[in-house]
Amino acid sequence: MFDSLIAELAEKGIVRFFVRARPGAQRTEATEKMDDESIKISVAAPPEGGKANAALIKFLAKEFTVPAANVKIVSGKTARMKLVQIRLLGL
């Protein structure tokens, strides 16, 4: 599901995309690409105290093989729709 974004990250060193987060799921996983190009991700953490955001960042860091510090929620920290930015090391 992330193949084109991973390729863009490798080429440009940075990628931004929208995520529709669904906190409180049984497991954390990307479930579908929506018509508006956002990616729906179920997060196995409650939307309390930033736990779901932290789980989302950890999941995306693993998927893109970057440190969690390179994954940033640019906007939408308290909303289900979030703009996420991922950078390669050294940028």
N, C-alpha and C. Protein backbone atom coordinates (compact mmCIF):
# COMPACT_ATOMS: atom_id res chain seq x y z
N MET A 1 0.82 -1.20 0.00
CA MET A 1 0.00 0.00 0.00
C MET A 1 0.86 1.27 0.00
N PHE A 2 2.07 1.17 0.54
CA PHE A 2 2.94 2.33 0.64
C PHE A 2 4.00 2.39 -0.46
N ASP A 3 3.97 1.48 -1.42
CA ASP A 3 5.04 1.36 -2.41
C ASP A 3 5.35 2.67 -3.13
N SER A 4 4.33 3.37 -3.63
CA SER A 4 4.58 4.61 -4.38
C SER A 4 5.12 5.70 -3.45
N LEU A 5 4.67 5.73 -2.20
CA LEU A 5 5.17 6.72 -1.25
C LEU A 5 6.61 6.42 -0.84
N ILE A 6 6.94 5.14 -0.70
CA ILE A 6 8.31 4.75 -0.37
C ILE A 6 9.24 5.13 -1.51
N ALA A 7 8.79 4.93 -2.75
CA ALA A 7 9.60 5.30 -3.92
C ALA A 7 9.80 6.82 -3.96
N GLU A 8 8.74 7.58 -3.66
CA GLU A 8 8.85 9.04 -3.63
C GLU A 8 9.81 9.49 -2.53
N LEU A 9 9.75 8.84 -1.38
CA LEU A 9 10.66 9.17 -0.28
C LEU A 9 12.11 8.91 -0.69
N ALA A 10 12.36 7.80 -1.36
CA ALA A 10 13.71 7.48 -1.80
C ALA A 10 14.22 8.49 -2.83
N GLU A 11 13.32 8.95 -3.68
CA GLU A 11 13.71 9.90 -4.73
C GLU A 11 13.90 11.32 -4.21
N LYS A 12 12.95 11.78 -3.39
CA LYS A 12 12.96 13.18 -2.96
C LYS A 12 13.51 13.41 -1.56
N GLY A 13 13.55 12.35 -0.75
CA GLY A 13 14.05 12.49 0.62
C GLY A 13 12.98 12.93 1.61
N ILE A 14 11.80 13.25 1.11
CA ILE A 14 10.69 13.68 1.96
C ILE A 14 9.38 13.32 1.26
N VAL A 15 8.39 12.96 2.05
CA VAL A 15 7.07 12.65 1.50
C VAL A 15 6.02 13.12 2.50
N ARG A 16 4.91 13.63 1.97
CA ARG A 16 3.77 14.04 2.80
C ARG A 16 2.52 13.38 2.25
N PHE A 17 1.67 12.92 3.15
CA PHE A 17 0.42 12.31 2.73
C PHE A 17 -0.59 12.37 3.88
N PHE A 18 -1.86 12.21 3.52
CA PHE A 18 -2.92 12.24 4.51
C PHE A 18 -3.24 10.83 4.99
N VAL A 19 -3.50 10.73 6.28
CA VAL A 19 -3.89 9.48 6.93
C VAL A 19 -5.24 9.67 7.60
N ARG A 20 -6.13 8.73 7.41
CA ARG A 20 -7.38 8.68 8.17
C ARG A 20 -7.17 7.64 9.26
N ALA A 21 -6.99 8.10 10.47
CA ALA A 21 -6.71 7.20 11.59
C ALA A 21 -8.00 6.68 12.20
N ARG A 22 -7.99 5.40 12.54
CA ARG A 22 -9.10 4.78 13.24
C ARG A 22 -8.57 4.17 14.53
N PRO A 23 -8.53 4.97 15.61
CA PRO A 23 -7.96 4.48 16.87
C PRO A 23 -8.87 3.46 17.55
N GLY A 24 -8.29 2.70 18.44
CA GLY A 24 -9.04 1.72 19.21
C GLY A 24 -9.31 0.43 18.46
N ALA A 25 -8.59 0.17 17.38
CA ALA A 25 -8.77 -1.05 16.60
C ALA A 25 -8.08 -2.23 17.30
N GLN A 26 -8.33 -3.43 16.80
CA GLN A 26 -7.70 -4.61 17.39
C GLN A 26 -6.22 -4.68 17.09
N ARG A 27 -5.82 -4.21 15.90
CA ARG A 27 -4.39 -4.19 15.55
C ARG A 27 -4.09 -3.00 14.65
N THR A 28 -2.84 -2.61 14.61
CA THR A 28 -2.43 -1.48 13.78
C THR A 28 -2.08 -1.99 12.40
N GLU A 29 -2.78 -1.44 11.39
CA GLU A 29 -2.54 -1.85 10.01
C GLU A 29 -3.14 -0.85 9.04
N ALA A 30 -2.53 -0.73 7.87
CA ALA A 30 -3.10 0.08 6.80
C ALA A 30 -4.18 -0.76 6.14
N THR A 31 -5.38 -0.20 6.04
CA THR A 31 -6.49 -1.00 5.54
C THR A 31 -6.91 -0.69 4.12
N GLU A 32 -6.84 0.57 3.71
CA GLU A 32 -7.21 0.89 2.33
C GLU A 32 -6.77 2.28 1.92
N LYS A 33 -6.65 2.47 0.60
CA LYS A 33 -6.38 3.78 0.04
C LYS A 33 -7.72 4.35 -0.38
N MET A 34 -8.04 5.53 0.11
CA MET A 34 -9.34 6.14 -0.12
C MET A 34 -9.37 6.86 -1.48
N ASP A 35 -10.56 7.23 -1.94
CA ASP A 35 -10.72 7.93 -3.21
C ASP A 35 -9.98 9.26 -3.23
N ASP A 36 -9.84 9.90 -2.08
CA ASP A 36 -9.14 11.19 -2.01
C ASP A 36 -7.62 11.01 -1.82
N GLU A 37 -7.12 9.78 -2.02
CA GLU A 37 -5.70 9.43 -1.92
C GLU A 37 -5.17 9.33 -0.49
N SER A 38 -6.02 9.58 0.52
CA SER A 38 -5.58 9.38 1.90
C SER A 38 -5.53 7.87 2.17
N ILE A 39 -4.78 7.50 3.19
CA ILE A 39 -4.65 6.10 3.55
C ILE A 39 -5.31 5.88 4.90
N LYS A 40 -6.22 4.93 4.93
CA LYS A 40 -6.93 4.60 6.17
C LYS A 40 -6.06 3.62 6.96
N ILE A 41 -5.77 3.98 8.21
CA ILE A 41 -4.95 3.15 9.07
C ILE A 41 -5.67 2.91 10.39
N SER A 42 -5.87 1.64 10.71
CA SER A 42 -6.42 1.26 12.00
C SER A 42 -5.28 1.26 13.01
N VAL A 43 -5.52 1.83 14.18
CA VAL A 43 -4.47 1.96 15.20
C VAL A 43 -4.93 1.26 16.47
N ALA A 44 -4.11 0.35 16.95
CA ALA A 44 -4.45 -0.43 18.15
C ALA A 44 -4.03 0.31 19.41
N ALA A 45 -4.50 1.52 19.55
CA ALA A 45 -4.24 2.31 20.76
C ALA A 45 -5.41 3.26 20.92
N PRO A 46 -5.76 3.57 22.15
CA PRO A 46 -6.88 4.49 22.37
C PRO A 46 -6.49 5.94 22.04
N PRO A 47 -7.48 6.74 21.65
CA PRO A 47 -7.20 8.15 21.33
C PRO A 47 -7.12 9.01 22.59
N GLU A 48 -6.29 8.59 23.53
CA GLU A 48 -6.17 9.29 24.80
C GLU A 48 -4.71 9.59 25.07
N GLY A 49 -4.43 10.81 25.43
CA GLY A 49 -3.08 11.19 25.84
C GLY A 49 -2.02 11.01 24.76
N GLY A 50 -2.41 11.06 23.51
CA GLY A 50 -1.45 10.93 22.42
C GLY A 50 -1.01 9.50 22.13
N LYS A 51 -1.66 8.52 22.75
CA LYS A 51 -1.27 7.12 22.55
C LYS A 51 -1.48 6.66 21.11
N ALA A 52 -2.59 7.03 20.51
CA ALA A 52 -2.86 6.63 19.13
C ALA A 52 -1.87 7.28 18.17
N ASN A 53 -1.56 8.54 18.38
CA ASN A 53 -0.57 9.23 17.53
C ASN A 53 0.80 8.57 17.65
N ALA A 54 1.19 8.22 18.85
CA ALA A 54 2.48 7.57 19.06
C ALA A 54 2.52 6.21 18.36
N ALA A 55 1.43 5.46 18.45
CA ALA A 55 1.35 4.15 17.78
C ALA A 55 1.38 4.32 16.27
N LEU A 56 0.72 5.35 15.76
CA LEU A 56 0.72 5.63 14.33
C LEU A 56 2.13 5.96 13.84
N ILE A 57 2.83 6.80 14.57
CA ILE A 57 4.20 7.18 14.21
C ILE A 57 5.11 5.95 14.22
N LYS A 58 4.98 5.12 15.23
CA LYS A 58 5.80 3.91 15.33
C LYS A 58 5.52 2.97 14.14
N PHE A 59 4.25 2.82 13.79
CA PHE A 59 3.86 1.96 12.67
C PHE A 59 4.44 2.48 11.35
N LEU A 60 4.29 3.79 11.11
CA LEU A 60 4.79 4.36 9.86
C LEU A 60 6.30 4.32 9.79
N ALA A 61 6.98 4.52 10.90
CA ALA A 61 8.44 4.43 10.93
C ALA A 61 8.90 3.03 10.52
N LYS A 62 8.21 2.03 11.01
CA LYS A 62 8.54 0.65 10.66
C LYS A 62 8.27 0.39 9.18
N GLU A 63 7.13 0.83 8.69
CA GLU A 63 6.75 0.60 7.28
C GLU A 63 7.72 1.28 6.32
N PHE A 64 8.20 2.47 6.67
CA PHE A 64 9.09 3.23 5.80
C PHE A 64 10.56 3.03 6.15
N THR A 65 10.83 2.20 7.13
CA THR A 65 12.19 1.90 7.62
C THR A 65 13.01 3.16 7.90
N VAL A 66 12.42 4.03 8.70
CA VAL A 66 13.09 5.24 9.16
C VAL A 66 12.92 5.31 10.68
N PRO A 67 13.76 6.08 11.37
CA PRO A 67 13.55 6.26 12.81
C PRO A 67 12.24 7.01 13.07
N ALA A 68 11.62 6.74 14.19
CA ALA A 68 10.36 7.40 14.55
C ALA A 68 10.52 8.92 14.59
N ALA A 69 11.72 9.40 14.88
CA ALA A 69 11.96 10.85 14.92
C ALA A 69 11.81 11.49 13.54
N ASN A 70 11.87 10.69 12.49
CA ASN A 70 11.74 11.20 11.12
C ASN A 70 10.29 11.22 10.65
N VAL A 71 9.37 10.78 11.48
CA VAL A 71 7.94 10.78 11.15
C VAL A 71 7.28 11.86 12.00
N LYS A 72 6.56 12.75 11.33
CA LYS A 72 5.94 13.88 12.04
C LYS A 72 4.49 14.04 11.60
N ILE A 73 3.61 14.25 12.57
CA ILE A 73 2.23 14.62 12.26
C ILE A 73 2.22 16.13 12.13
N VAL A 74 2.09 16.60 10.90
CA VAL A 74 2.17 18.03 10.61
C VAL A 74 0.91 18.75 11.06
N SER A 75 -0.23 18.15 10.80
CA SER A 75 -1.50 18.74 11.24
C SER A 75 -2.50 17.64 11.53
N GLY A 76 -3.47 17.96 12.36
CA GLY A 76 -4.52 17.00 12.70
C GLY A 76 -4.21 16.11 13.88
N LYS A 77 -3.40 16.59 14.80
CA LYS A 77 -3.02 15.76 15.94
C LYS A 77 -4.22 15.29 16.77
N THR A 78 -5.28 16.08 16.80
CA THR A 78 -6.46 15.68 17.57
C THR A 78 -7.62 15.28 16.67
N ALA A 79 -7.38 15.18 15.37
CA ALA A 79 -8.42 14.81 14.41
C ALA A 79 -8.13 13.43 13.82
N ARG A 80 -9.12 12.84 13.20
CA ARG A 80 -8.90 11.56 12.54
C ARG A 80 -8.10 11.71 11.25
N MET A 81 -8.29 12.84 10.54
CA MET A 81 -7.54 13.11 9.31
C MET A 81 -6.26 13.85 9.68
N LYS A 82 -5.13 13.26 9.34
CA LYS A 82 -3.84 13.82 9.72
C LYS A 82 -2.95 13.97 8.49
N LEU A 83 -2.17 15.03 8.46
CA LEU A 83 -1.15 15.19 7.44
C LEU A 83 0.16 14.72 8.06
N VAL A 84 0.76 13.72 7.42
CA VAL A 84 1.98 13.11 7.94
C VAL A 84 3.15 13.45 7.01
N GLN A 85 4.29 13.71 7.61
CA GLN A 85 5.51 13.96 6.84
C GLN A 85 6.57 12.97 7.29
N ILE A 86 7.26 12.38 6.31
CA ILE A 86 8.35 11.44 6.62
C ILE A 86 9.59 11.90 5.87
N ARG A 87 10.71 11.94 6.57
CA ARG A 87 12.00 12.35 5.98
C ARG A 87 13.00 11.21 6.10
N LEU A 88 13.94 11.20 5.17
CA LEU A 88 15.06 10.29 5.29
C LEU A 88 16.07 10.88 6.27
N LEU A 89 16.98 10.07 6.73
CA LEU A 89 18.03 10.54 7.64
C LEU A 89 18.88 11.61 6.98
N GLY A 90 19.33 12.53 7.76
CA GLY A 90 20.27 13.55 7.29
C GLY A 90 19.66 14.70 6.54
N LEU A 91 18.34 14.77 6.44
CA LEU A 91 17.71 15.89 5.74
C LEU A 91 17.09 16.83 6.72
